[in-house]
Amino acid sequence: MMGRFLLVAVLLAGCRATGAFVCATDDQCRHAGALGRCEPVGYCSFTDGMCPSGSRYDDNSGPGYGGQCVESSTMIDAAIDSPPPFNPALCPAQYVQINATRTTTRYRLVTPQGTFLQHATNCNDDLVGATHLATPQTAQELDDLSQWIDPMPNTGAQFWLGVVQDPNALLPDARWILLDDTNVPLDLWKPGDPNDSDGDENRQEQFAYFDKSPINRRMTDTPGNTGHGGVCECDGVPIGPSATVFVQQ
């Protein structure tokens, strides 16, 4: 069976050195210019006329799938149904569930201090297209993260999140987005932030961390070259095109 090369076009692209290639979106399944499909089981398939379904799993898929024909029922169901929810079983083993109600999201704490880009790269490389710096949707999620981290000894207090500002924003509180390109809820910020240090937009504090201390548990804007820990999230959501541009500028 001819091997295939999977080109992953996402922020800070990379893949795990060992193990099966796991996909989260169709864009991660490419071979010789052809776009494949990310099947509901989390593996890539490509067109193959020798299979009754017309598709065959990539050689790099997991045991029981690699090089096998995709079952016709799977293809039909996938075409009719909406995309299945992300399967958290695909997350790397070091990712854990921290809230009983948030069943499809897993987190990993990184305690060594580093820059935003260092942590963003670290998180992204765990499972490309599915892992990234954490992108909290609610203030309760920040509270949950804080309560999860707080009992752990020697972790520090401040941790990078997947939050970035448009470098062309004209105001300190304008054009902040999460790495999935959604807007940042205002109640995630510490009172008075984001303020770019002095209340004037000087394009110096374009990223955000949160403080897990009980009196804080909210975000602060800061330059990307400061040192903090980080929280990685595995939820099957790829990094958005706008966030990719904002980080690179």
C-alpha atoms as a PDB file:
ATOM      1  CA  MET A   1       0.000   0.000   0.000  1.00  0.00           C
ATOM      2  CA  MET A   2       1.431   3.385  -0.965  1.00  0.00           C
ATOM      3  CA  GLY A   3       2.169   5.521   2.098  1.00  0.00           C
ATOM      4  CA  ARG A   4       0.640   8.944   2.303  1.00  0.00           C
ATOM      5  CA  PHE A   5       1.988  12.263   3.507  1.00  0.00           C
ATOM      6  CA  LEU A   6      -0.421  14.288   5.645  1.00  0.00           C
ATOM      7  CA  LEU A   7       0.060  18.026   5.315  1.00  0.00           C
ATOM      8  CA  VAL A   8      -1.344  19.883   8.314  1.00  0.00           C
ATOM      9  CA  ALA A   9      -1.903  23.589   7.629  1.00  0.00           C
ATOM     10  CA  VAL A  10      -2.584  25.104  11.030  1.00  0.00           C
ATOM     11  CA  LEU A  11      -0.816  27.492  13.344  1.00  0.00           C
ATOM     12  CA  LEU A  12       2.552  26.165  14.476  1.00  0.00           C
ATOM     13  CA  ALA A  13       1.977  22.990  12.472  1.00  0.00           C
ATOM     14  CA  GLY A  14       3.488  19.737  13.681  1.00  0.00           C
ATOM     15  CA  CYS A  15       2.576  16.189  14.617  1.00  0.00           C
ATOM     16  CA  ARG A  16       3.388  13.578  17.201  1.00  0.00           C
ATOM     17  CA  ALA A  17       6.572  11.682  16.548  1.00  0.00           C
ATOM     18  CA  THR A  18       4.957   8.295  17.265  1.00  0.00           C
ATOM     19  CA  GLY A  19       1.517   6.732  17.068  1.00  0.00           C
ATOM     20  CA  ALA A  20      -1.342   6.975  14.615  1.00  0.00           C
ATOM     21  CA  PHE A  21      -2.150  10.277  12.922  1.00  0.00           C
ATOM     22  CA  VAL A  22      -5.394  11.586  14.390  1.00  0.00           C
ATOM     23  CA  CYS A  23      -7.449  14.239  12.599  1.00  0.00           C
ATOM     24  CA  ALA A  24     -10.104  16.652  13.745  1.00  0.00           C
ATOM     25  CA  THR A  25     -10.991  18.399  10.466  1.00  0.00           C
ATOM     26  CA  ASP A  26     -10.943  17.542   6.754  1.00  0.00           C
ATOM     27  CA  ASP A  27      -8.242  20.202   6.169  1.00  0.00           C
ATOM     28  CA  GLN A  28      -5.757  17.993   8.016  1.00  0.00           C
ATOM     29  CA  CYS A  29      -6.173  15.186   5.471  1.00  0.00           C
ATOM     30  CA  ARG A  30      -4.141  15.966   2.349  1.00  0.00           C
ATOM     31  CA  HIS A  31      -2.090  13.800   0.012  1.00  0.00           C
ATOM     32  CA  ALA A  32      -0.427  14.891  -3.226  1.00  0.00           C
ATOM     33  CA  GLY A  33      -2.742  17.893  -3.464  1.00  0.00           C
ATOM     34  CA  ALA A  34      -5.902  15.842  -2.876  1.00  0.00           C
ATOM     35  CA  LEU A  35      -8.146  16.633   0.067  1.00  0.00           C
ATOM     36  CA  GLY A  36      -9.325  13.634   2.052  1.00  0.00           C
ATOM     37  CA  ARG A  37     -11.967  13.296   4.722  1.00  0.00           C
ATOM     38  CA  CYS A  38     -11.646  13.176   8.494  1.00  0.00           C
ATOM     39  CA  GLU A  39     -13.879  10.231   9.374  1.00  0.00           C
ATOM     40  CA  PRO A  40     -16.008  10.211  12.559  1.00  0.00           C
ATOM     41  CA  VAL A  41     -13.517   7.812  14.183  1.00  0.00           C
ATOM     42  CA  GLY A  42     -10.820  10.509  13.951  1.00  0.00           C
ATOM     43  CA  TYR A  43      -8.738   9.099  11.072  1.00  0.00           C
ATOM     44  CA  CYS A  44      -8.226  10.312   7.488  1.00  0.00           C
ATOM     45  CA  SER A  45      -9.604   8.568   4.426  1.00  0.00           C
ATOM     46  CA  PHE A  46      -8.961   9.170   0.727  1.00  0.00           C
ATOM     47  CA  THR A  47     -10.766   8.301  -2.507  1.00  0.00           C
ATOM     48  CA  ASP A  48     -10.088   4.733  -3.628  1.00  0.00           C
ATOM     49  CA  GLY A  49     -12.141   3.129  -6.409  1.00  0.00           C
ATOM     50  CA  MET A  50     -11.205  -0.352  -5.192  1.00  0.00           C
ATOM     51  CA  CYS A  51     -13.388   0.115  -2.085  1.00  0.00           C
ATOM     52  CA  PRO A  52     -17.193  -0.330  -2.277  1.00  0.00           C
ATOM     53  CA  SER A  53     -17.603   2.926  -0.370  1.00  0.00           C
ATOM     54  CA  GLY A  54     -15.115   4.704  -2.638  1.00  0.00           C
ATOM     55  CA  SER A  55     -12.813   5.593   0.254  1.00  0.00           C
ATOM     56  CA  ARG A  56      -9.967   3.941   2.115  1.00  0.00           C
ATOM     57  CA  TYR A  57      -8.420   4.839   5.490  1.00  0.00           C
ATOM     58  CA  ASP A  58      -4.909   6.258   5.349  1.00  0.00           C
ATOM     59  CA  ASP A  59      -2.072   3.876   6.162  1.00  0.00           C
ATOM     60  CA  ASN A  60      -1.260   5.956   9.244  1.00  0.00           C
ATOM     61  CA  SER A  61      -4.684   5.407  10.815  1.00  0.00           C
ATOM     62  CA  GLY A  62      -4.973   3.459  14.058  1.00  0.00           C
ATOM     63  CA  PRO A  63      -5.090  -0.318  14.477  1.00  0.00           C
ATOM     64  CA  GLY A  64      -8.002  -1.870  12.649  1.00  0.00           C
ATOM     65  CA  TYR A  65      -8.335   1.109  10.301  1.00  0.00           C
ATOM     66  CA  GLY A  66      -4.999   1.687   8.546  1.00  0.00           C
ATOM     67  CA  GLY A  67      -5.281   0.844   4.855  1.00  0.00           C
ATOM     68  CA  GLN A  68      -8.802  -0.575   5.232  1.00  0.00           C
ATOM     69  CA  CYS A  69     -11.847   0.404   3.197  1.00  0.00           C
ATOM     70  CA  VAL A  70     -14.263   2.757   4.887  1.00  0.00           C
ATOM     71  CA  GLU A  71     -17.565   0.980   5.435  1.00  0.00           C
ATOM     72  CA  SER A  72     -20.357   2.230   3.190  1.00  0.00           C
ATOM     73  CA  SER A  73     -22.679   2.792   6.155  1.00  0.00           C
ATOM     74  CA  THR A  74     -20.126   5.133   7.688  1.00  0.00           C
ATOM     75  CA  MET A  75     -19.957   7.199   4.519  1.00  0.00           C
ATOM     76  CA  ILE A  76     -23.749   7.418   4.235  1.00  0.00           C
ATOM     77  CA  ASP A  77     -24.244   8.352   7.874  1.00  0.00           C
ATOM     78  CA  ALA A  78     -21.520  10.986   7.709  1.00  0.00           C
ATOM     79  CA  ALA A  79     -23.114  12.576   4.660  1.00  0.00           C
ATOM     80  CA  ILE A  80     -26.562  12.741   6.269  1.00  0.00           C
ATOM     81  CA  ASP A  81     -25.751  13.571   9.881  1.00  0.00           C
ATOM     82  CA  SER A  82     -24.096  16.660  11.276  1.00  0.00           C
ATOM     83  CA  PRO A  83     -20.435  16.265  12.238  1.00  0.00           C
ATOM     84  CA  PRO A  84     -20.143  14.102  15.358  1.00  0.00           C
ATOM     85  CA  PRO A  85     -18.990  15.708  18.604  1.00  0.00           C
ATOM     86  CA  PHE A  86     -15.296  15.515  19.320  1.00  0.00           C
ATOM     87  CA  ASN A  87     -14.299  12.259  20.959  1.00  0.00           C
ATOM     88  CA  PRO A  88     -12.182  13.145  24.026  1.00  0.00           C
ATOM     89  CA  ALA A  89     -10.701   9.649  23.943  1.00  0.00           C
ATOM     90  CA  LEU A  90      -8.513  10.990  21.122  1.00  0.00           C
ATOM     91  CA  CYS A  91      -6.836  13.437  23.540  1.00  0.00           C
ATOM     92  CA  PRO A  92      -3.284  12.585  24.670  1.00  0.00           C
ATOM     93  CA  ALA A  93      -3.150  10.697  27.958  1.00  0.00           C
ATOM     94  CA  GLN A  94      -1.798  13.633  29.974  1.00  0.00           C
ATOM     95  CA  TYR A  95      -5.001  15.630  29.356  1.00  0.00           C
ATOM     96  CA  VAL A  96      -7.620  15.332  32.111  1.00  0.00           C
ATOM     97  CA  GLN A  97     -11.269  16.225  32.647  1.00  0.00           C
ATOM     98  CA  ILE A  98     -11.717  18.848  35.363  1.00  0.00           C
ATOM     99  CA  ASN A  99     -15.483  19.346  35.337  1.00  0.00           C
ATOM    100  CA  ALA A 100     -18.198  16.689  35.293  1.00  0.00           C
ATOM    101  CA  THR A 101     -20.436  18.749  32.998  1.00  0.00           C
ATOM    102  CA  ARG A 102     -17.757  19.607  30.443  1.00  0.00           C
ATOM    103  CA  THR A 103     -17.451  16.113  29.030  1.00  0.00           C
ATOM    104  CA  THR A 104     -15.763  16.730  25.663  1.00  0.00           C
ATOM    105  CA  THR A 105     -12.958  18.980  26.897  1.00  0.00           C
ATOM    106  CA  ARG A 106      -9.672  17.974  28.534  1.00  0.00           C
ATOM    107  CA  TYR A 107      -6.872  20.123  29.975  1.00  0.00           C
ATOM    108  CA  ARG A 108      -3.139  19.859  30.613  1.00  0.00           C
ATOM    109  CA  LEU A 109      -1.227  22.096  33.032  1.00  0.00           C
ATOM    110  CA  VAL A 110       2.251  23.290  32.073  1.00  0.00           C
ATOM    111  CA  THR A 111       4.120  24.703  35.063  1.00  0.00           C
ATOM    112  CA  PRO A 112       7.541  25.692  33.610  1.00  0.00           C
ATOM    113  CA  GLN A 113       7.462  29.354  32.679  1.00  0.00           C
ATOM    114  CA  GLY A 114       7.728  30.387  29.064  1.00  0.00           C
ATOM    115  CA  THR A 115       6.572  32.946  26.524  1.00  0.00           C
ATOM    116  CA  PHE A 116       3.157  32.893  24.857  1.00  0.00           C
ATOM    117  CA  LEU A 117       4.623  31.463  21.647  1.00  0.00           C
ATOM    118  CA  GLN A 118       6.521  28.734  23.486  1.00  0.00           C
ATOM    119  CA  HIS A 119       3.394  27.556  25.265  1.00  0.00           C
ATOM    120  CA  ALA A 120       1.232  27.917  22.147  1.00  0.00           C
ATOM    121  CA  THR A 121       3.679  25.703  20.228  1.00  0.00           C
ATOM    122  CA  ASN A 122       3.849  23.203  23.060  1.00  0.00           C
ATOM    123  CA  CYS A 123       0.068  22.855  23.301  1.00  0.00           C
ATOM    124  CA  ASN A 124      -0.498  22.746  19.549  1.00  0.00           C
ATOM    125  CA  ASP A 125       2.032  19.964  19.027  1.00  0.00           C
ATOM    126  CA  ASP A 126       0.216  17.572  21.377  1.00  0.00           C
ATOM    127  CA  LEU A 127      -2.491  16.785  18.791  1.00  0.00           C
ATOM    128  CA  VAL A 128      -2.439  19.169  15.862  1.00  0.00           C
ATOM    129  CA  GLY A 129      -5.858  20.602  15.040  1.00  0.00           C
ATOM    130  CA  ALA A 130      -7.364  19.488  18.346  1.00  0.00           C
ATOM    131  CA  THR A 131      -5.139  20.956  21.099  1.00  0.00           C
ATOM    132  CA  HIS A 132      -4.172  24.560  21.832  1.00  0.00           C
ATOM    133  CA  LEU A 133      -3.742  27.032  24.667  1.00  0.00           C
ATOM    134  CA  ALA A 134      -6.994  27.020  26.624  1.00  0.00           C
ATOM    135  CA  THR A 135      -9.815  29.160  25.229  1.00  0.00           C
ATOM    136  CA  PRO A 136     -12.251  29.793  28.102  1.00  0.00           C
ATOM    137  CA  GLN A 137     -15.821  30.536  27.057  1.00  0.00           C
ATOM    138  CA  THR A 138     -17.162  31.618  30.448  1.00  0.00           C
ATOM    139  CA  ALA A 139     -15.987  33.065  33.751  1.00  0.00           C
ATOM    140  CA  GLN A 140     -17.055  29.775  35.333  1.00  0.00           C
ATOM    141  CA  GLU A 141     -14.487  27.972  33.200  1.00  0.00           C
ATOM    142  CA  LEU A 142     -11.757  30.216  34.628  1.00  0.00           C
ATOM    143  CA  ASP A 143     -13.050  29.451  38.110  1.00  0.00           C
ATOM    144  CA  ASP A 144     -12.949  25.722  37.338  1.00  0.00           C
ATOM    145  CA  LEU A 145      -9.376  25.983  36.047  1.00  0.00           C
ATOM    146  CA  SER A 146      -8.319  27.961  39.110  1.00  0.00           C
ATOM    147  CA  GLN A 147      -9.882  25.501  41.539  1.00  0.00           C
ATOM    148  CA  TRP A 148      -8.248  22.609  39.683  1.00  0.00           C
ATOM    149  CA  ILE A 149      -4.776  24.177  39.843  1.00  0.00           C
ATOM    150  CA  ASP A 150      -4.931  25.802  43.274  1.00  0.00           C
ATOM    151  CA  PRO A 151      -4.398  22.637  45.403  1.00  0.00           C
ATOM    152  CA  MET A 152      -1.343  21.619  43.357  1.00  0.00           C
ATOM    153  CA  PRO A 153       1.960  22.572  45.039  1.00  0.00           C
ATOM    154  CA  ASN A 154       4.672  24.581  43.295  1.00  0.00           C
ATOM    155  CA  THR A 155       2.664  25.481  40.209  1.00  0.00           C
ATOM    156  CA  GLY A 156       2.945  29.266  40.290  1.00  0.00           C
ATOM    157  CA  ALA A 157      -0.063  31.532  39.933  1.00  0.00           C
ATOM    158  CA  GLN A 158      -0.156  32.905  36.377  1.00  0.00           C
ATOM    159  CA  PHE A 159      -0.882  30.891  33.234  1.00  0.00           C
ATOM    160  CA  TRP A 160      -1.113  31.730  29.536  1.00  0.00           C
ATOM    161  CA  LEU A 161      -4.445  31.332  27.761  1.00  0.00           C
ATOM    162  CA  GLY A 162      -5.295  31.209  24.045  1.00  0.00           C
ATOM    163  CA  VAL A 163      -6.269  34.881  23.917  1.00  0.00           C
ATOM    164  CA  VAL A 164      -4.817  37.399  21.456  1.00  0.00           C
ATOM    165  CA  GLN A 165      -5.524  40.949  20.268  1.00  0.00           C
ATOM    166  CA  ASP A 166      -5.578  42.261  16.729  1.00  0.00           C
ATOM    167  CA  PRO A 167      -2.254  44.138  16.366  1.00  0.00           C
ATOM    168  CA  ASN A 168      -4.129  46.838  14.433  1.00  0.00           C
ATOM    169  CA  ALA A 169      -6.673  47.484  17.190  1.00  0.00           C
ATOM    170  CA  LEU A 170      -7.039  51.156  18.099  1.00  0.00           C
ATOM    171  CA  LEU A 171      -8.206  50.694  21.701  1.00  0.00           C
ATOM    172  CA  PRO A 172      -6.825  48.501  24.507  1.00  0.00           C
ATOM    173  CA  ASP A 173     -10.109  46.615  24.876  1.00  0.00           C
ATOM    174  CA  ALA A 174     -10.843  46.211  21.155  1.00  0.00           C
ATOM    175  CA  ARG A 175     -10.564  43.154  18.884  1.00  0.00           C
ATOM    176  CA  TRP A 176      -9.619  40.519  21.452  1.00  0.00           C
ATOM    177  CA  ILE A 177     -10.330  36.973  20.255  1.00  0.00           C
ATOM    178  CA  LEU A 178      -9.793  33.416  21.402  1.00  0.00           C
ATOM    179  CA  LEU A 179      -7.613  31.119  19.302  1.00  0.00           C
ATOM    180  CA  ASP A 180     -10.755  29.679  17.706  1.00  0.00           C
ATOM    181  CA  ASP A 181     -11.559  33.189  16.367  1.00  0.00           C
ATOM    182  CA  THR A 182     -14.517  33.779  18.705  1.00  0.00           C
ATOM    183  CA  ASN A 183     -14.812  36.975  20.736  1.00  0.00           C
ATOM    184  CA  VAL A 184     -13.521  37.103  24.301  1.00  0.00           C
ATOM    185  CA  PRO A 185     -16.346  37.419  26.866  1.00  0.00           C
ATOM    186  CA  LEU A 186     -15.918  40.675  28.796  1.00  0.00           C
ATOM    187  CA  ASP A 187     -16.408  39.062  32.206  1.00  0.00           C
ATOM    188  CA  LEU A 188     -13.208  37.042  31.780  1.00  0.00           C
ATOM    189  CA  TRP A 189     -11.101  40.160  32.377  1.00  0.00           C
ATOM    190  CA  LYS A 190      -9.819  41.398  35.697  1.00  0.00           C
ATOM    191  CA  PRO A 191     -11.455  44.784  36.552  1.00  0.00           C
ATOM    192  CA  GLY A 192      -9.602  47.532  34.673  1.00  0.00           C
ATOM    193  CA  ASP A 193      -8.158  45.175  32.050  1.00  0.00           C
ATOM    194  CA  PRO A 194      -7.345  45.038  29.236  1.00  0.00           C
ATOM    195  CA  ASN A 195      -5.665  48.434  29.461  1.00  0.00           C
ATOM    196  CA  ASP A 196      -2.327  48.039  27.656  1.00  0.00           C
ATOM    197  CA  SER A 197      -0.615  49.087  30.914  1.00  0.00           C
ATOM    198  CA  ASP A 198      -1.517  52.789  30.796  1.00  0.00           C
ATOM    199  CA  GLY A 199      -4.906  52.891  29.087  1.00  0.00           C
ATOM    200  CA  ASP A 200      -3.478  53.885  25.696  1.00  0.00           C
ATOM    201  CA  GLU A 201      -3.187  51.358  22.871  1.00  0.00           C
ATOM    202  CA  ASN A 202       0.539  51.059  22.182  1.00  0.00           C
ATOM    203  CA  ARG A 203       0.444  47.493  20.814  1.00  0.00           C
ATOM    204  CA  GLN A 204       2.690  46.172  23.572  1.00  0.00           C
ATOM    205  CA  GLU A 205       0.277  43.934  25.517  1.00  0.00           C
ATOM    206  CA  GLN A 206      -1.395  41.711  22.918  1.00  0.00           C
ATOM    207  CA  PHE A 207      -1.824  38.478  24.885  1.00  0.00           C
ATOM    208  CA  ALA A 208      -3.458  37.345  28.124  1.00  0.00           C
ATOM    209  CA  TYR A 209      -2.796  35.209  31.163  1.00  0.00           C
ATOM    210  CA  PHE A 210      -4.998  34.412  34.158  1.00  0.00           C
ATOM    211  CA  ASP A 211      -4.133  34.360  37.842  1.00  0.00           C
ATOM    212  CA  LYS A 212      -5.503  31.309  39.655  1.00  0.00           C
ATOM    213  CA  SER A 213      -5.358  32.985  43.081  1.00  0.00           C
ATOM    214  CA  PRO A 214      -8.788  33.013  44.787  1.00  0.00           C
ATOM    215  CA  ILE A 215      -8.848  36.835  44.855  1.00  0.00           C
ATOM    216  CA  ASN A 216      -8.269  37.048  41.082  1.00  0.00           C
ATOM    217  CA  ARG A 217      -9.194  34.141  38.776  1.00  0.00           C
ATOM    218  CA  ARG A 218      -9.517  36.510  35.839  1.00  0.00           C
ATOM    219  CA  MET A 219      -7.392  37.593  32.850  1.00  0.00           C
ATOM    220  CA  THR A 220      -4.788  40.331  32.461  1.00  0.00           C
ATOM    221  CA  ASP A 221      -3.288  41.611  29.208  1.00  0.00           C
ATOM    222  CA  THR A 222       0.493  41.412  28.936  1.00  0.00           C
ATOM    223  CA  PRO A 223       3.361  41.320  26.394  1.00  0.00           C
ATOM    224  CA  GLY A 224       3.899  37.935  24.785  1.00  0.00           C
ATOM    225  CA  ASN A 225       7.525  37.693  25.887  1.00  0.00           C
ATOM    226  CA  THR A 226       6.812  37.576  29.630  1.00  0.00           C
ATOM    227  CA  GLY A 227       7.223  34.274  31.466  1.00  0.00           C
ATOM    228  CA  HIS A 228       4.225  32.340  32.765  1.00  0.00           C
ATOM    229  CA  GLY A 229       2.950  28.785  32.977  1.00  0.00           C
ATOM    230  CA  GLY A 230       0.270  27.630  30.564  1.00  0.00           C
ATOM    231  CA  VAL A 231      -2.944  25.634  30.297  1.00  0.00           C
ATOM    232  CA  CYS A 232      -3.432  23.474  27.205  1.00  0.00           C
ATOM    233  CA  GLU A 233      -6.901  22.403  26.091  1.00  0.00           C
ATOM    234  CA  CYS A 234      -7.985  19.427  23.978  1.00  0.00           C
ATOM    235  CA  ASP A 235     -11.434  19.918  22.453  1.00  0.00           C
ATOM    236  CA  GLY A 236     -11.014  19.116  18.757  1.00  0.00           C
ATOM    237  CA  VAL A 237     -11.273  22.786  17.735  1.00  0.00           C
ATOM    238  CA  PRO A 238      -8.572  24.021  15.323  1.00  0.00           C
ATOM    239  CA  ILE A 239      -6.903  27.409  15.579  1.00  0.00           C
ATOM    240  CA  GLY A 240      -8.744  30.009  13.496  1.00  0.00           C
ATOM    241  CA  PRO A 241      -7.287  31.945  10.560  1.00  0.00           C
ATOM    242  CA  SER A 242      -7.640  35.350  12.252  1.00  0.00           C
ATOM    243  CA  ALA A 243      -5.897  34.159  15.419  1.00  0.00           C
ATOM    244  CA  THR A 244      -3.120  32.690  13.282  1.00  0.00           C
ATOM    245  CA  VAL A 245      -2.529  36.068  11.651  1.00  0.00           C
ATOM    246  CA  PHE A 246      -2.723  37.987  14.937  1.00  0.00           C
ATOM    247  CA  VAL A 247      -0.111  35.733  16.567  1.00  0.00           C
ATOM    248  CA  GLN A 248       2.258  35.927  13.633  1.00  0.00           C
ATOM    249  CA  GLN A 249       2.248  39.721  13.344  1.00  0.00           C
END
